[in-house]
Amino acid sequence: MRRGHAVLAWAQLHGSVGLEAAGQFTGMGHDGDSLLVAQIAMLADAFALA
């Protein structure tokens, strides 16, 4: 994994986990679990892992 990929993955996942931990998804009507699964799938696709 290139350094840029690692930074992108960290930023995406850190942001999602931080918002979930702060309870921000609840007020927006989003399910944190499904968003995390979608982000992991997007990252896997972006890095040609899927």
N, C-alpha and C. Protein backbone atom coordinates (compact mmCIF):
# COMPACT_ATOMS: atom_id res chain seq x y z
N MET A 1 0.85 -1.18 0.00
CA MET A 1 0.00 0.00 0.00
C MET A 1 0.89 1.23 0.00
N ARG A 2 0.62 2.12 -0.89
CA ARG A 2 1.39 3.36 -0.93
C ARG A 2 1.00 4.27 0.22
N ARG A 3 1.91 5.18 0.53
CA ARG A 3 1.67 6.10 1.65
C ARG A 3 0.39 6.91 1.44
N GLY A 4 0.14 7.36 0.22
CA GLY A 4 -1.07 8.12 -0.06
C GLY A 4 -2.33 7.32 0.19
N HIS A 5 -2.27 6.03 -0.14
CA HIS A 5 -3.42 5.16 0.11
C HIS A 5 -3.67 5.01 1.60
N ALA A 6 -2.60 4.85 2.36
CA ALA A 6 -2.73 4.69 3.81
C ALA A 6 -3.34 5.94 4.43
N VAL A 7 -2.91 7.10 3.98
CA VAL A 7 -3.44 8.36 4.51
C VAL A 7 -4.92 8.50 4.15
N LEU A 8 -5.28 8.15 2.94
CA LEU A 8 -6.68 8.22 2.52
C LEU A 8 -7.54 7.28 3.36
N ALA A 9 -7.08 6.05 3.52
CA ALA A 9 -7.84 5.08 4.31
C ALA A 9 -7.97 5.55 5.76
N TRP A 10 -6.88 6.03 6.34
CA TRP A 10 -6.92 6.50 7.73
C TRP A 10 -7.90 7.66 7.86
N ALA A 11 -7.82 8.62 6.95
CA ALA A 11 -8.70 9.80 7.04
C ALA A 11 -10.17 9.40 6.94
N GLN A 12 -10.49 8.52 6.00
CA GLN A 12 -11.87 8.08 5.82
C GLN A 12 -12.40 7.38 7.07
N LEU A 13 -11.63 6.42 7.55
CA LEU A 13 -12.09 5.62 8.68
C LEU A 13 -12.06 6.41 9.99
N HIS A 14 -11.04 7.22 10.18
CA HIS A 14 -10.96 8.04 11.39
C HIS A 14 -12.13 9.01 11.47
N GLY A 15 -12.46 9.62 10.36
CA GLY A 15 -13.59 10.54 10.33
C GLY A 15 -14.90 9.86 10.65
N SER A 16 -15.10 8.70 10.05
CA SER A 16 -16.35 7.96 10.29
C SER A 16 -16.48 7.51 11.73
N VAL A 17 -15.40 6.95 12.27
CA VAL A 17 -15.44 6.48 13.65
C VAL A 17 -15.64 7.66 14.61
N GLY A 18 -14.99 8.79 14.33
CA GLY A 18 -15.14 9.97 15.18
C GLY A 18 -16.57 10.49 15.17
N LEU A 19 -17.19 10.54 14.00
CA LEU A 19 -18.57 11.00 13.91
C LEU A 19 -19.52 10.03 14.61
N GLU A 20 -19.27 8.73 14.44
CA GLU A 20 -20.11 7.74 15.11
C GLU A 20 -19.98 7.84 16.62
N ALA A 21 -18.75 7.97 17.11
CA ALA A 21 -18.51 8.05 18.55
C ALA A 21 -19.17 9.30 19.15
N ALA A 22 -19.24 10.37 18.38
CA ALA A 22 -19.85 11.60 18.87
C ALA A 22 -21.37 11.60 18.71
N GLY A 23 -21.91 10.54 18.11
CA GLY A 23 -23.36 10.46 17.94
C GLY A 23 -23.91 11.33 16.83
N GLN A 24 -23.07 11.72 15.90
CA GLN A 24 -23.51 12.62 14.84
C GLN A 24 -24.40 11.93 13.80
N PHE A 25 -24.22 10.64 13.58
CA PHE A 25 -25.02 9.96 12.56
C PHE A 25 -26.47 9.81 12.98
N THR A 26 -26.72 9.69 14.26
CA THR A 26 -28.08 9.50 14.75
C THR A 26 -28.96 10.68 14.37
N GLY A 27 -28.48 11.87 14.55
CA GLY A 27 -29.26 13.06 14.21
C GLY A 27 -29.48 13.25 12.72
N MET A 28 -28.62 12.64 11.91
CA MET A 28 -28.75 12.75 10.45
C MET A 28 -29.57 11.62 9.86
N GLY A 29 -29.95 10.65 10.70
CA GLY A 29 -30.73 9.53 10.20
C GLY A 29 -29.90 8.47 9.50
N HIS A 30 -28.58 8.47 9.71
CA HIS A 30 -27.70 7.49 9.08
C HIS A 30 -27.39 6.37 10.05
N ASP A 31 -27.16 5.20 9.51
CA ASP A 31 -26.73 4.05 10.29
C ASP A 31 -25.22 3.94 10.17
N GLY A 32 -24.52 4.08 11.27
CA GLY A 32 -23.05 4.05 11.25
C GLY A 32 -22.48 2.76 10.72
N ASP A 33 -23.13 1.63 11.02
CA ASP A 33 -22.64 0.33 10.55
C ASP A 33 -22.67 0.24 9.03
N SER A 34 -23.79 0.62 8.43
CA SER A 34 -23.89 0.52 6.97
C SER A 34 -22.96 1.51 6.28
N LEU A 35 -22.76 2.68 6.88
CA LEU A 35 -21.83 3.65 6.30
C LEU A 35 -20.40 3.12 6.35
N LEU A 36 -20.01 2.49 7.46
CA LEU A 36 -18.67 1.93 7.58
C LEU A 36 -18.44 0.82 6.54
N VAL A 37 -19.43 -0.04 6.37
CA VAL A 37 -19.32 -1.11 5.36
C VAL A 37 -19.17 -0.50 3.97
N ALA A 38 -19.95 0.53 3.67
CA ALA A 38 -19.87 1.19 2.36
C ALA A 38 -18.50 1.84 2.16
N GLN A 39 -17.96 2.46 3.18
CA GLN A 39 -16.65 3.11 3.06
C GLN A 39 -15.54 2.09 2.88
N ILE A 40 -15.61 0.98 3.59
CA ILE A 40 -14.60 -0.07 3.42
C ILE A 40 -14.67 -0.64 2.01
N ALA A 41 -15.88 -0.86 1.49
CA ALA A 41 -16.04 -1.36 0.12
C ALA A 41 -15.49 -0.35 -0.89
N MET A 42 -15.74 0.95 -0.65
CA MET A 42 -15.24 1.99 -1.55
C MET A 42 -13.72 2.03 -1.54
N LEU A 43 -13.12 1.91 -0.36
CA LEU A 43 -11.67 1.91 -0.26
C LEU A 43 -11.08 0.67 -0.93
N ALA A 44 -11.70 -0.49 -0.73
CA ALA A 44 -11.22 -1.72 -1.37
C ALA A 44 -11.29 -1.59 -2.88
N ASP A 45 -12.36 -0.99 -3.38
CA ASP A 45 -12.50 -0.78 -4.82
C ASP A 45 -11.45 0.22 -5.33
N ALA A 46 -11.23 1.29 -4.60
CA ALA A 46 -10.25 2.30 -5.00
C ALA A 46 -8.84 1.75 -5.05
N PHE A 47 -8.55 0.80 -4.17
CA PHE A 47 -7.19 0.22 -4.11
C PHE A 47 -7.12 -1.09 -4.87
N ALA A 48 -8.16 -1.41 -5.64
CA ALA A 48 -8.24 -2.64 -6.45
C ALA A 48 -8.06 -3.88 -5.57
N LEU A 49 -8.70 -3.90 -4.41
CA LEU A 49 -8.63 -5.05 -3.51
C LEU A 49 -9.86 -5.95 -3.64
N ALA A 50 -10.89 -5.43 -4.28
CA ALA A 50 -12.13 -6.21 -4.39
C ALA A 50 -12.30 -6.74 -5.79
